[in-house]
Amino acid sequence: MEKLENSSYHWNRLWTNKITNFYPQLPAAWHFENFVRHRIYFNAIDKLLKNISLRDKDIIELGSGTGNNSLYLAKTHSVKEVTLVDFSEKALARVKVNYFPCPVNKINRDIFEISLGKEYDLVHSTGLIEHFKGEERFLTVKRHTDFIRDGGLVMIWVPVFSKAFKPIERINKILGIKEQPFTKDELRLIFKESGLEIINEGETVFGALFGVLGRKNNN
């Protein structure tokens, strides 16, 4: 099994390499990325959150990167406030705060080293926990539950072992991104072990990513 490098230094380098620096300078880059995200991620997110209201709710994204998924949720669900947490200041520097229809808090810290003193209605992540192995995978999901109120929601999307993920994995390796895909049963088990009741599941186009929506049981 490959070693997964996971540090702020590593991710800052990835966010400032030649490819990631050149791409945003293309005139239509953001619109193209947004189109792809709609096709791959956002439609799947809509299905996973069907009949769930986030109006006037506080949401937090762990390992947020540039926060595009939270931006989509803020625009389509009329959330009250968004908090983005990432230990790469280079990623957070690219957050388009003026695009958000609500207040945005950016926190440049490791998710294992923060204490926010606040509970949220939704904690979500995409492209985060597959960068951990073994017990750390469970601890990362458990960390999501530390930030939600009783009855609040956790939404996590991960790559799963599939033919559809193979080309994505190859591209990521070229960019210097290594990850360990999940099985669906592994993510389900970690949710249950973290005290989360699974209320919905979903897949992106072609099944490259698997998403689970869970609710924190009342104490």
N, C-alpha and C. Protein backbone atom coordinates (compact mmCIF):
# COMPACT_ATOMS: atom_id res chain seq x y z
N MET A 1 0.85 -1.19 0.00
CA MET A 1 0.00 0.00 0.00
C MET A 1 0.88 1.24 0.00
N GLU A 2 0.57 2.22 -0.86
CA GLU A 2 1.40 3.41 -0.98
C GLU A 2 1.29 4.31 0.26
N LYS A 3 2.37 4.99 0.54
CA LYS A 3 2.35 5.97 1.62
C LYS A 3 1.58 7.18 1.15
N LEU A 4 0.68 7.68 2.01
CA LEU A 4 -0.12 8.85 1.68
C LEU A 4 0.47 10.06 2.38
N GLU A 5 1.06 10.95 1.59
CA GLU A 5 1.61 12.17 2.18
C GLU A 5 0.47 13.15 2.41
N ASN A 6 0.37 13.64 3.65
CA ASN A 6 -0.77 14.47 4.01
C ASN A 6 -0.32 15.53 5.01
N SER A 7 0.12 16.67 4.49
CA SER A 7 0.59 17.75 5.33
C SER A 7 0.26 19.08 4.67
N SER A 8 0.27 20.14 5.46
CA SER A 8 -0.01 21.47 4.89
C SER A 8 1.05 21.84 3.86
N TYR A 9 2.30 21.46 4.13
CA TYR A 9 3.38 21.74 3.18
C TYR A 9 3.11 21.07 1.84
N HIS A 10 2.73 19.79 1.89
CA HIS A 10 2.45 19.03 0.67
C HIS A 10 1.31 19.66 -0.11
N TRP A 11 0.22 19.99 0.56
CA TRP A 11 -0.94 20.54 -0.14
C TRP A 11 -0.70 21.96 -0.61
N ASN A 12 0.07 22.73 0.11
CA ASN A 12 0.41 24.07 -0.37
C ASN A 12 1.21 23.99 -1.67
N ARG A 13 2.09 22.99 -1.77
CA ARG A 13 2.85 22.79 -3.01
C ARG A 13 1.92 22.41 -4.15
N LEU A 14 0.94 21.56 -3.86
CA LEU A 14 0.01 21.14 -4.91
C LEU A 14 -0.84 22.31 -5.41
N TRP A 15 -1.21 23.19 -4.49
CA TRP A 15 -2.04 24.33 -4.87
C TRP A 15 -1.25 25.43 -5.57
N THR A 16 0.07 25.29 -5.62
CA THR A 16 0.89 26.33 -6.26
C THR A 16 1.81 25.77 -7.34
N ASN A 17 1.55 24.52 -7.79
CA ASN A 17 2.41 23.99 -8.85
C ASN A 17 2.03 24.62 -10.20
N LYS A 18 2.75 24.29 -11.24
CA LYS A 18 2.55 24.93 -12.54
C LYS A 18 1.15 24.71 -13.09
N ILE A 19 0.62 23.50 -12.92
CA ILE A 19 -0.71 23.19 -13.47
C ILE A 19 -1.79 23.96 -12.73
N THR A 20 -1.78 23.91 -11.40
CA THR A 20 -2.83 24.57 -10.64
C THR A 20 -2.72 26.09 -10.71
N ASN A 21 -1.52 26.61 -10.97
CA ASN A 21 -1.36 28.05 -11.15
C ASN A 21 -1.83 28.50 -12.53
N PHE A 22 -1.58 27.67 -13.54
CA PHE A 22 -1.93 28.04 -14.91
C PHE A 22 -3.43 27.94 -15.15
N TYR A 23 -4.05 26.89 -14.62
CA TYR A 23 -5.46 26.62 -14.89
C TYR A 23 -6.39 27.80 -14.56
N PRO A 24 -6.29 28.43 -13.37
CA PRO A 24 -7.21 29.52 -13.05
C PRO A 24 -7.05 30.74 -13.95
N GLN A 25 -5.92 30.86 -14.66
CA GLN A 25 -5.69 32.02 -15.52
C GLN A 25 -6.44 31.91 -16.85
N LEU A 26 -6.92 30.71 -17.16
CA LEU A 26 -7.70 30.56 -18.39
C LEU A 26 -9.04 31.26 -18.23
N PRO A 27 -9.47 32.06 -19.22
CA PRO A 27 -10.69 32.85 -19.10
C PRO A 27 -11.93 32.05 -18.72
N ALA A 28 -12.07 30.86 -19.29
CA ALA A 28 -13.29 30.09 -19.05
C ALA A 28 -13.08 28.98 -18.02
N ALA A 29 -11.95 29.01 -17.32
CA ALA A 29 -11.61 27.89 -16.43
C ALA A 29 -12.65 27.68 -15.34
N TRP A 30 -13.03 28.77 -14.66
CA TRP A 30 -13.96 28.63 -13.54
C TRP A 30 -15.32 28.14 -14.03
N HIS A 31 -15.77 28.67 -15.17
CA HIS A 31 -17.07 28.26 -15.71
C HIS A 31 -17.04 26.80 -16.14
N PHE A 32 -15.92 26.36 -16.72
CA PHE A 32 -15.79 24.96 -17.11
C PHE A 32 -15.81 24.05 -15.88
N GLU A 33 -15.03 24.44 -14.87
CA GLU A 33 -14.99 23.63 -13.64
C GLU A 33 -16.37 23.55 -13.00
N ASN A 34 -17.08 24.68 -13.00
CA ASN A 34 -18.42 24.70 -12.42
C ASN A 34 -19.37 23.79 -13.20
N PHE A 35 -19.24 23.79 -14.52
CA PHE A 35 -20.07 22.92 -15.37
C PHE A 35 -19.82 21.46 -15.05
N VAL A 36 -18.52 21.10 -14.95
CA VAL A 36 -18.15 19.71 -14.64
C VAL A 36 -18.66 19.33 -13.26
N ARG A 37 -18.50 20.23 -12.29
CA ARG A 37 -18.97 19.94 -10.94
C ARG A 37 -20.48 19.72 -10.92
N HIS A 38 -21.22 20.49 -11.71
CA HIS A 38 -22.67 20.28 -11.79
C HIS A 38 -22.97 18.88 -12.29
N ARG A 39 -22.26 18.48 -13.33
CA ARG A 39 -22.51 17.17 -13.93
C ARG A 39 -22.12 16.02 -13.00
N ILE A 40 -20.99 16.18 -12.33
CA ILE A 40 -20.44 15.08 -11.54
C ILE A 40 -20.88 15.12 -10.07
N TYR A 41 -20.69 16.29 -9.43
CA TYR A 41 -20.93 16.37 -8.00
C TYR A 41 -22.31 16.90 -7.64
N PHE A 42 -22.66 18.07 -8.17
CA PHE A 42 -23.81 18.79 -7.66
C PHE A 42 -25.13 18.05 -7.87
N ASN A 43 -25.30 17.42 -9.01
CA ASN A 43 -26.52 16.64 -9.23
C ASN A 43 -26.63 15.51 -8.21
N ALA A 44 -25.48 14.89 -7.91
CA ALA A 44 -25.48 13.80 -6.92
C ALA A 44 -25.76 14.34 -5.52
N ILE A 45 -25.21 15.51 -5.20
CA ILE A 45 -25.47 16.13 -3.91
C ILE A 45 -26.95 16.46 -3.76
N ASP A 46 -27.56 16.98 -4.82
CA ASP A 46 -28.99 17.30 -4.77
C ASP A 46 -29.82 16.07 -4.45
N LYS A 47 -29.47 14.95 -5.06
CA LYS A 47 -30.21 13.71 -4.80
C LYS A 47 -30.01 13.23 -3.38
N LEU A 48 -28.77 13.35 -2.89
CA LEU A 48 -28.48 12.90 -1.53
C LEU A 48 -29.22 13.74 -0.49
N LEU A 49 -29.39 15.03 -0.79
CA LEU A 49 -30.04 15.95 0.15
C LEU A 49 -31.52 16.16 -0.17
N LYS A 50 -32.09 15.30 -0.97
CA LYS A 50 -33.50 15.44 -1.33
C LYS A 50 -34.36 15.46 -0.07
N ASN A 51 -35.27 16.43 -0.02
CA ASN A 51 -36.20 16.62 1.11
C ASN A 51 -35.50 17.11 2.39
N ILE A 52 -34.23 17.51 2.27
CA ILE A 52 -33.51 18.08 3.41
C ILE A 52 -33.45 19.61 3.24
N SER A 53 -33.87 20.34 4.26
CA SER A 53 -33.82 21.80 4.20
C SER A 53 -32.61 22.32 4.96
N LEU A 54 -31.81 23.15 4.30
CA LEU A 54 -30.66 23.79 4.93
C LEU A 54 -30.87 25.30 5.07
N ARG A 55 -32.09 25.75 4.82
CA ARG A 55 -32.38 27.18 4.90
C ARG A 55 -32.08 27.71 6.30
N ASP A 56 -31.31 28.80 6.33
CA ASP A 56 -30.93 29.46 7.58
C ASP A 56 -30.14 28.56 8.51
N LYS A 57 -29.42 27.58 7.95
CA LYS A 57 -28.58 26.68 8.73
C LYS A 57 -27.12 27.07 8.63
N ASP A 58 -26.35 26.72 9.64
CA ASP A 58 -24.90 26.91 9.62
C ASP A 58 -24.24 25.63 9.13
N ILE A 59 -23.37 25.74 8.13
CA ILE A 59 -22.68 24.56 7.62
C ILE A 59 -21.18 24.76 7.69
N ILE A 60 -20.47 23.65 7.80
CA ILE A 60 -19.00 23.69 7.85
C ILE A 60 -18.45 22.60 6.95
N GLU A 61 -17.41 22.93 6.19
CA GLU A 61 -16.77 21.96 5.29
C GLU A 61 -15.35 21.72 5.78
N LEU A 62 -15.01 20.46 6.00
CA LEU A 62 -13.68 20.08 6.46
C LEU A 62 -12.82 19.67 5.27
N GLY A 63 -11.56 20.14 5.24
CA GLY A 63 -10.72 19.89 4.07
C GLY A 63 -11.34 20.53 2.85
N SER A 64 -11.73 21.78 2.99
CA SER A 64 -12.59 22.45 2.01
C SER A 64 -11.92 22.79 0.69
N GLY A 65 -10.58 22.90 0.69
CA GLY A 65 -9.95 23.40 -0.53
C GLY A 65 -10.46 24.79 -0.84
N THR A 66 -10.92 25.01 -2.07
CA THR A 66 -11.44 26.33 -2.46
C THR A 66 -12.91 26.51 -2.13
N GLY A 67 -13.54 25.51 -1.54
CA GLY A 67 -14.91 25.66 -1.03
C GLY A 67 -16.01 25.67 -2.06
N ASN A 68 -15.78 25.11 -3.24
CA ASN A 68 -16.79 25.17 -4.29
C ASN A 68 -18.07 24.39 -3.95
N ASN A 69 -17.92 23.28 -3.23
CA ASN A 69 -19.13 22.53 -2.86
C ASN A 69 -19.97 23.32 -1.86
N SER A 70 -19.32 23.99 -0.92
CA SER A 70 -20.05 24.82 0.03
C SER A 70 -20.69 26.03 -0.67
N LEU A 71 -20.01 26.56 -1.67
CA LEU A 71 -20.58 27.66 -2.44
C LEU A 71 -21.87 27.22 -3.11
N TYR A 72 -21.86 26.02 -3.67
CA TYR A 72 -23.08 25.51 -4.31
C TYR A 72 -24.20 25.35 -3.28
N LEU A 73 -23.89 24.79 -2.12
CA LEU A 73 -24.91 24.61 -1.09
C LEU A 73 -25.45 25.95 -0.61
N ALA A 74 -24.55 26.93 -0.47
CA ALA A 74 -24.97 28.25 -0.01
C ALA A 74 -25.94 28.90 -1.00
N LYS A 75 -25.66 28.73 -2.28
CA LYS A 75 -26.50 29.36 -3.31
C LYS A 75 -27.84 28.66 -3.50
N THR A 76 -27.84 27.34 -3.39
CA THR A 76 -29.06 26.58 -3.70
C THR A 76 -29.92 26.27 -2.48
N HIS A 77 -29.35 26.39 -1.28
CA HIS A 77 -30.10 26.03 -0.07
C HIS A 77 -30.28 27.19 0.90
N SER A 78 -29.88 28.39 0.51
CA SER A 78 -30.09 29.58 1.33
C SER A 78 -29.60 29.39 2.76
N VAL A 79 -28.37 28.88 2.90
CA VAL A 79 -27.82 28.66 4.24
C VAL A 79 -27.51 29.99 4.91
N LYS A 80 -27.41 29.94 6.22
CA LYS A 80 -27.18 31.16 7.01
C LYS A 80 -25.72 31.57 6.98
N GLU A 81 -24.81 30.60 7.15
CA GLU A 81 -23.39 30.91 7.25
C GLU A 81 -22.57 29.68 6.86
N VAL A 82 -21.40 29.93 6.25
CA VAL A 82 -20.51 28.86 5.83
C VAL A 82 -19.16 29.02 6.52
N THR A 83 -18.63 27.90 7.03
CA THR A 83 -17.29 27.88 7.58
C THR A 83 -16.46 26.88 6.79
N LEU A 84 -15.28 27.32 6.34
CA LEU A 84 -14.39 26.48 5.56
C LEU A 84 -13.11 26.24 6.35
N VAL A 85 -12.74 24.96 6.49
CA VAL A 85 -11.54 24.60 7.25
C VAL A 85 -10.57 23.84 6.35
N ASP A 86 -9.35 24.33 6.26
CA ASP A 86 -8.32 23.63 5.48
C ASP A 86 -6.96 24.04 6.02
N PHE A 87 -6.01 23.08 6.06
CA PHE A 87 -4.69 23.46 6.57
C PHE A 87 -3.78 24.00 5.47
N SER A 88 -4.31 24.16 4.25
CA SER A 88 -3.55 24.80 3.18
C SER A 88 -4.02 26.24 3.00
N GLU A 89 -3.18 27.19 3.40
CA GLU A 89 -3.55 28.59 3.21
C GLU A 89 -3.62 28.96 1.74
N LYS A 90 -2.88 28.23 0.90
CA LYS A 90 -2.91 28.50 -0.53
C LYS A 90 -4.28 28.14 -1.13
N ALA A 91 -4.88 27.07 -0.63
CA ALA A 91 -6.21 26.70 -1.09
C ALA A 91 -7.24 27.72 -0.64
N LEU A 92 -7.19 28.09 0.64
CA LEU A 92 -8.17 29.05 1.17
C LEU A 92 -8.03 30.42 0.51
N ALA A 93 -6.83 30.75 0.05
CA ALA A 93 -6.62 32.04 -0.61
C ALA A 93 -7.40 32.12 -1.92
N ARG A 94 -7.77 30.97 -2.46
CA ARG A 94 -8.50 30.94 -3.73
C ARG A 94 -10.02 30.91 -3.55
N VAL A 95 -10.48 30.93 -2.32
CA VAL A 95 -11.92 30.94 -2.06
C VAL A 95 -12.51 32.24 -2.58
N LYS A 96 -13.54 32.15 -3.40
CA LYS A 96 -14.19 33.34 -3.98
C LYS A 96 -15.28 33.81 -3.02
N VAL A 97 -14.85 34.48 -1.95
CA VAL A 97 -15.76 34.89 -0.89
C VAL A 97 -16.90 35.76 -1.43
N ASN A 98 -16.58 36.63 -2.39
CA ASN A 98 -17.60 37.53 -2.93
C ASN A 98 -18.68 36.81 -3.73
N TYR A 99 -18.47 35.53 -4.07
CA TYR A 99 -19.47 34.75 -4.80
C TYR A 99 -20.52 34.18 -3.86
N PHE A 100 -20.23 34.14 -2.56
CA PHE A 100 -21.15 33.54 -1.60
C PHE A 100 -22.28 34.51 -1.26
N PRO A 101 -23.51 34.01 -1.12
CA PRO A 101 -24.64 34.86 -0.74
C PRO A 101 -24.80 35.00 0.77
N CYS A 102 -23.81 34.53 1.53
CA CYS A 102 -23.90 34.55 2.99
C CYS A 102 -22.50 34.77 3.56
N PRO A 103 -22.39 35.05 4.85
CA PRO A 103 -21.07 35.21 5.46
C PRO A 103 -20.23 33.93 5.36
N VAL A 104 -18.92 34.10 5.18
CA VAL A 104 -17.99 32.97 5.07
C VAL A 104 -16.84 33.14 6.06
N ASN A 105 -16.61 32.09 6.84
CA ASN A 105 -15.47 32.07 7.75
C ASN A 105 -14.42 31.12 7.20
N LYS A 106 -13.18 31.57 7.09
CA LYS A 106 -12.10 30.71 6.63
C LYS A 106 -11.16 30.42 7.80
N ILE A 107 -10.93 29.13 8.04
CA ILE A 107 -10.07 28.72 9.16
C ILE A 107 -8.91 27.89 8.61
N ASN A 108 -7.71 28.43 8.73
CA ASN A 108 -6.51 27.76 8.23
C ASN A 108 -5.87 26.95 9.37
N ARG A 109 -6.44 25.77 9.60
CA ARG A 109 -5.95 24.90 10.67
C ARG A 109 -6.15 23.44 10.28
N ASP A 110 -5.41 22.57 10.93
CA ASP A 110 -5.61 21.13 10.83
C ASP A 110 -6.91 20.78 11.55
N ILE A 111 -7.73 19.94 10.96
CA ILE A 111 -9.04 19.64 11.57
C ILE A 111 -8.89 18.95 12.93
N PHE A 112 -7.74 18.32 13.17
CA PHE A 112 -7.52 17.65 14.45
C PHE A 112 -7.01 18.60 15.52
N GLU A 113 -6.78 19.87 15.15
CA GLU A 113 -6.19 20.81 16.09
C GLU A 113 -7.08 22.01 16.38
N ILE A 114 -8.35 21.93 16.01
CA ILE A 114 -9.23 23.08 16.22
C ILE A 114 -10.33 22.74 17.22
N SER A 115 -10.71 23.76 17.97
CA SER A 115 -11.86 23.68 18.87
C SER A 115 -12.67 24.94 18.63
N LEU A 116 -13.82 24.81 17.99
CA LEU A 116 -14.55 25.97 17.51
C LEU A 116 -15.54 26.53 18.52
N GLY A 117 -15.92 25.74 19.52
CA GLY A 117 -16.88 26.22 20.50
C GLY A 117 -18.24 26.48 19.91
N LYS A 118 -18.56 25.79 18.83
CA LYS A 118 -19.82 25.99 18.14
C LYS A 118 -20.23 24.68 17.48
N GLU A 119 -21.54 24.44 17.40
CA GLU A 119 -22.05 23.26 16.72
C GLU A 119 -22.79 23.67 15.46
N TYR A 120 -22.69 22.83 14.43
CA TYR A 120 -23.24 23.16 13.12
C TYR A 120 -24.39 22.22 12.76
N ASP A 121 -25.17 22.68 11.78
CA ASP A 121 -26.31 21.87 11.32
C ASP A 121 -25.88 20.83 10.29
N LEU A 122 -24.84 21.13 9.53
CA LEU A 122 -24.30 20.20 8.53
C LEU A 122 -22.79 20.30 8.51
N VAL A 123 -22.14 19.16 8.63
CA VAL A 123 -20.69 19.06 8.43
C VAL A 123 -20.47 18.19 7.21
N HIS A 124 -19.69 18.65 6.25
CA HIS A 124 -19.51 17.86 5.03
C HIS A 124 -18.07 17.91 4.54
N SER A 125 -17.71 16.91 3.74
CA SER A 125 -16.39 16.86 3.13
C SER A 125 -16.44 16.04 1.87
N THR A 126 -15.59 16.39 0.94
CA THR A 126 -15.39 15.63 -0.30
C THR A 126 -13.89 15.63 -0.58
N GLY A 127 -13.33 14.46 -0.85
CA GLY A 127 -11.90 14.41 -1.15
C GLY A 127 -11.04 14.62 0.08
N LEU A 128 -11.48 14.12 1.21
CA LEU A 128 -10.72 14.30 2.46
C LEU A 128 -10.27 12.98 3.06
N ILE A 129 -11.21 12.14 3.47
CA ILE A 129 -10.82 10.99 4.30
C ILE A 129 -10.12 9.88 3.53
N GLU A 130 -10.14 9.93 2.19
CA GLU A 130 -9.39 8.93 1.43
C GLU A 130 -7.88 9.19 1.48
N HIS A 131 -7.48 10.31 2.07
CA HIS A 131 -6.05 10.61 2.23
C HIS A 131 -5.51 10.11 3.57
N PHE A 132 -6.34 9.32 4.26
CA PHE A 132 -5.93 8.71 5.52
C PHE A 132 -6.06 7.19 5.41
N LYS A 133 -5.37 6.49 6.32
CA LYS A 133 -5.41 5.03 6.32
C LYS A 133 -5.75 4.50 7.70
N GLY A 134 -6.21 3.25 7.73
CA GLY A 134 -6.42 2.55 8.98
C GLY A 134 -7.30 3.29 9.96
N GLU A 135 -6.86 3.34 11.21
CA GLU A 135 -7.63 3.96 12.29
C GLU A 135 -7.87 5.44 12.04
N GLU A 136 -6.97 6.09 11.28
CA GLU A 136 -7.13 7.51 11.00
C GLU A 136 -8.38 7.79 10.18
N ARG A 137 -8.81 6.83 9.38
CA ARG A 137 -10.03 7.02 8.60
C ARG A 137 -11.23 7.17 9.54
N PHE A 138 -11.29 6.29 10.53
CA PHE A 138 -12.37 6.37 11.51
C PHE A 138 -12.28 7.68 12.29
N LEU A 139 -11.07 8.05 12.73
CA LEU A 139 -10.89 9.27 13.52
C LEU A 139 -11.28 10.51 12.73
N THR A 140 -11.05 10.49 11.43
CA THR A 140 -11.40 11.63 10.59
C THR A 140 -12.91 11.78 10.47
N VAL A 141 -13.62 10.66 10.29
CA VAL A 141 -15.08 10.72 10.25
C VAL A 141 -15.62 11.13 11.63
N LYS A 142 -15.03 10.54 12.68
CA LYS A 142 -15.46 10.89 14.04
C LYS A 142 -15.28 12.37 14.29
N ARG A 143 -14.25 12.97 13.69
CA ARG A 143 -14.02 14.40 13.86
C ARG A 143 -15.19 15.22 13.30
N HIS A 144 -15.82 14.72 12.24
CA HIS A 144 -16.99 15.39 11.70
C HIS A 144 -18.08 15.52 12.76
N THR A 145 -18.25 14.45 13.55
CA THR A 145 -19.33 14.45 14.54
C THR A 145 -19.06 15.41 15.69
N ASP A 146 -17.78 15.80 15.88
CA ASP A 146 -17.45 16.72 16.97
C ASP A 146 -18.01 18.11 16.74
N PHE A 147 -18.34 18.42 15.48
CA PHE A 147 -18.76 19.78 15.15
C PHE A 147 -20.26 19.90 14.89
N ILE A 148 -21.02 18.82 15.03
CA ILE A 148 -22.45 18.92 14.73
C ILE A 148 -23.30 18.84 16.00
N ARG A 149 -24.42 19.53 15.93
CA ARG A 149 -25.38 19.48 17.04
C ARG A 149 -26.10 18.14 17.02
N ASP A 150 -26.76 17.79 18.12
CA ASP A 150 -27.58 16.59 18.14
C ASP A 150 -28.68 16.72 17.09
N GLY A 151 -28.84 15.69 16.29
CA GLY A 151 -29.81 15.73 15.19
C GLY A 151 -29.27 16.35 13.93
N GLY A 152 -28.02 16.86 13.99
CA GLY A 152 -27.40 17.47 12.81
C GLY A 152 -26.92 16.42 11.82
N LEU A 153 -26.47 16.88 10.66
CA LEU A 153 -26.16 15.99 9.54
C LEU A 153 -24.67 15.98 9.19
N VAL A 154 -24.19 14.83 8.76
CA VAL A 154 -22.85 14.67 8.21
C VAL A 154 -22.97 14.11 6.80
N MET A 155 -22.33 14.78 5.83
CA MET A 155 -22.33 14.30 4.44
C MET A 155 -20.89 14.13 4.00
N ILE A 156 -20.54 12.92 3.58
CA ILE A 156 -19.17 12.63 3.15
C ILE A 156 -19.20 11.93 1.80
N TRP A 157 -18.34 12.39 0.89
CA TRP A 157 -18.16 11.76 -0.42
C TRP A 157 -16.74 11.24 -0.52
N VAL A 158 -16.59 10.00 -0.98
CA VAL A 158 -15.27 9.39 -1.12
C VAL A 158 -15.19 8.65 -2.46
N PRO A 159 -13.98 8.50 -3.00
CA PRO A 159 -13.81 7.62 -4.16
C PRO A 159 -13.94 6.17 -3.73
N VAL A 160 -14.52 5.35 -4.59
CA VAL A 160 -14.65 3.93 -4.29
C VAL A 160 -13.93 3.11 -5.37
N PHE A 161 -13.53 1.90 -5.00
CA PHE A 161 -12.88 1.02 -5.95
C PHE A 161 -13.84 0.76 -7.12
N SER A 162 -13.49 1.24 -8.30
CA SER A 162 -14.36 1.08 -9.46
C SER A 162 -13.58 1.40 -10.73
N LYS A 163 -14.07 0.92 -11.85
CA LYS A 163 -13.45 1.24 -13.14
C LYS A 163 -13.54 2.73 -13.42
N ALA A 164 -14.62 3.36 -12.98
CA ALA A 164 -14.82 4.78 -13.23
C ALA A 164 -13.79 5.64 -12.52
N PHE A 165 -13.30 5.15 -11.37
CA PHE A 165 -12.34 5.95 -10.60
C PHE A 165 -10.92 5.82 -11.14
N LYS A 166 -10.62 4.76 -11.87
CA LYS A 166 -9.26 4.51 -12.34
C LYS A 166 -8.65 5.69 -13.11
N PRO A 167 -9.34 6.25 -14.12
CA PRO A 167 -8.73 7.38 -14.84
C PRO A 167 -8.55 8.61 -13.95
N ILE A 168 -9.46 8.81 -13.01
CA ILE A 168 -9.32 9.94 -12.08
C ILE A 168 -8.10 9.74 -11.20
N GLU A 169 -7.90 8.51 -10.75
CA GLU A 169 -6.75 8.18 -9.91
C GLU A 169 -5.45 8.44 -10.66
N ARG A 170 -5.39 8.08 -11.94
CA ARG A 170 -4.18 8.29 -12.72
C ARG A 170 -3.87 9.79 -12.87
N ILE A 171 -4.90 10.57 -13.14
CA ILE A 171 -4.71 12.02 -13.27
C ILE A 171 -4.23 12.61 -11.96
N ASN A 172 -4.84 12.19 -10.87
CA ASN A 172 -4.45 12.70 -9.55
C ASN A 172 -2.99 12.37 -9.24
N LYS A 173 -2.55 11.18 -9.61
CA LYS A 173 -1.16 10.80 -9.35
C LYS A 173 -0.19 11.68 -10.12
N ILE A 174 -0.57 12.04 -11.36
CA ILE A 174 0.26 12.96 -12.14
C ILE A 174 0.38 14.30 -11.43
N LEU A 175 -0.71 14.72 -10.78
CA LEU A 175 -0.71 15.99 -10.05
C LEU A 175 -0.02 15.88 -8.70
N GLY A 176 0.31 14.64 -8.30
CA GLY A 176 0.96 14.44 -7.01
C GLY A 176 0.01 14.11 -5.88
N ILE A 177 -1.23 13.75 -6.23
CA ILE A 177 -2.25 13.44 -5.24
C ILE A 177 -2.42 11.93 -5.14
N LYS A 178 -2.15 11.38 -3.96
CA LYS A 178 -2.34 9.96 -3.73
C LYS A 178 -3.49 9.75 -2.75
N GLU A 179 -4.26 8.71 -2.99
CA GLU A 179 -5.43 8.45 -2.15
C GLU A 179 -5.72 6.96 -2.09
N GLN A 180 -6.42 6.55 -1.07
CA GLN A 180 -6.80 5.15 -0.90
C GLN A 180 -8.32 5.06 -0.97
N PRO A 181 -8.86 4.57 -2.09
CA PRO A 181 -10.31 4.49 -2.23
C PRO A 181 -10.95 3.62 -1.15
N PHE A 182 -12.23 3.81 -0.96
CA PHE A 182 -13.01 3.06 0.00
C PHE A 182 -13.80 1.96 -0.70
N THR A 183 -14.34 1.05 0.10
CA THR A 183 -15.46 0.23 -0.34
C THR A 183 -16.70 0.87 0.29
N LYS A 184 -17.84 0.64 -0.29
CA LYS A 184 -19.06 1.22 0.27
C LYS A 184 -19.31 0.72 1.69
N ASP A 185 -19.07 -0.56 1.90
CA ASP A 185 -19.31 -1.14 3.22
C ASP A 185 -18.37 -0.53 4.27
N GLU A 186 -17.14 -0.19 3.86
CA GLU A 186 -16.21 0.42 4.82
C GLU A 186 -16.74 1.76 5.31
N LEU A 187 -17.22 2.59 4.39
CA LEU A 187 -17.74 3.90 4.79
C LEU A 187 -19.00 3.75 5.63
N ARG A 188 -19.86 2.83 5.24
CA ARG A 188 -21.07 2.59 6.03
C ARG A 188 -20.74 2.19 7.46
N LEU A 189 -19.77 1.29 7.60
CA LEU A 189 -19.38 0.81 8.92
C LEU A 189 -18.81 1.93 9.77
N ILE A 190 -17.96 2.78 9.17
CA ILE A 190 -17.37 3.88 9.92
C ILE A 190 -18.44 4.87 10.38
N PHE A 191 -19.43 5.11 9.55
CA PHE A 191 -20.54 5.98 9.94
C PHE A 191 -21.23 5.43 11.18
N LYS A 192 -21.56 4.16 11.14
CA LYS A 192 -22.27 3.55 12.26
C LYS A 192 -21.42 3.54 13.52
N GLU A 193 -20.11 3.26 13.37
CA GLU A 193 -19.22 3.25 14.52
C GLU A 193 -19.02 4.65 15.11
N SER A 194 -19.30 5.67 14.30
CA SER A 194 -19.16 7.06 14.75
C SER A 194 -20.45 7.59 15.35
N GLY A 195 -21.45 6.73 15.49
CA GLY A 195 -22.72 7.14 16.08
C GLY A 195 -23.63 7.89 15.13
N LEU A 196 -23.46 7.65 13.83
CA LEU A 196 -24.26 8.31 12.83
C LEU A 196 -25.28 7.36 12.22
N GLU A 197 -26.51 7.78 12.20
CA GLU A 197 -27.58 7.01 11.57
C GLU A 197 -27.61 7.35 10.08
N ILE A 198 -27.41 6.37 9.23
CA ILE A 198 -27.41 6.61 7.78
C ILE A 198 -28.83 6.83 7.31
N ILE A 199 -29.06 7.97 6.65
CA ILE A 199 -30.40 8.27 6.16
C ILE A 199 -30.49 8.32 4.64
N ASN A 200 -29.33 8.36 3.97
CA ASN A 200 -29.36 8.33 2.50
C ASN A 200 -27.96 8.01 1.97
N GLU A 201 -27.93 7.44 0.77
CA GLU A 201 -26.69 7.14 0.07
C GLU A 201 -26.83 7.54 -1.39
N GLY A 202 -25.69 7.79 -2.05
CA GLY A 202 -25.75 8.16 -3.46
C GLY A 202 -24.42 7.95 -4.15
N GLU A 203 -24.45 8.09 -5.49
CA GLU A 203 -23.25 7.97 -6.31
C GLU A 203 -23.20 9.10 -7.32
N THR A 204 -21.98 9.47 -7.70
CA THR A 204 -21.82 10.41 -8.80
C THR A 204 -21.94 9.65 -10.12
N VAL A 205 -21.88 10.38 -11.21
CA VAL A 205 -21.98 9.78 -12.54
C VAL A 205 -20.94 8.67 -12.70
N PHE A 206 -21.36 7.53 -13.18
CA PHE A 206 -20.50 6.36 -13.42
C PHE A 206 -20.00 5.72 -12.13
N GLY A 207 -20.44 6.22 -10.97
CA GLY A 207 -20.10 5.57 -9.72
C GLY A 207 -18.68 5.76 -9.22
N ALA A 208 -18.02 6.84 -9.64
CA ALA A 208 -16.64 7.07 -9.19
C ALA A 208 -16.59 7.47 -7.72
N LEU A 209 -17.58 8.24 -7.28
CA LEU A 209 -17.64 8.67 -5.89
C LEU A 209 -18.91 8.14 -5.23
N PHE A 210 -18.79 7.82 -3.95
CA PHE A 210 -19.91 7.31 -3.16
C PHE A 210 -20.15 8.28 -2.01
N GLY A 211 -21.39 8.64 -1.81
CA GLY A 211 -21.72 9.59 -0.76
C GLY A 211 -22.68 9.01 0.26
N VAL A 212 -22.48 9.38 1.52
CA VAL A 212 -23.36 8.95 2.60
C VAL A 212 -23.80 10.17 3.40
N LEU A 213 -25.08 10.22 3.72
CA LEU A 213 -25.64 11.28 4.56
C LEU A 213 -26.09 10.62 5.86
N GLY A 214 -25.58 11.11 6.98
CA GLY A 214 -25.93 10.55 8.28
C GLY A 214 -26.40 11.59 9.26
N ARG A 215 -27.14 11.14 10.24
CA ARG A 215 -27.63 12.06 11.29
C ARG A 215 -27.04 11.68 12.64
N LYS A 216 -26.60 12.66 13.39
CA LYS A 216 -26.05 12.40 14.72
C LYS A 216 -27.19 12.08 15.68
N ASN A 217 -27.09 10.94 16.32
CA ASN A 217 -28.13 10.53 17.25
C ASN A 217 -28.17 11.45 18.45
N ASN A 218 -29.37 11.75 18.92
CA ASN A 218 -29.53 12.59 20.10
C ASN A 218 -28.98 11.88 21.33
N ASN A 219 -28.27 12.62 22.18
CA ASN A 219 -27.74 12.04 23.41
C ASN A 219 -28.83 11.98 24.48
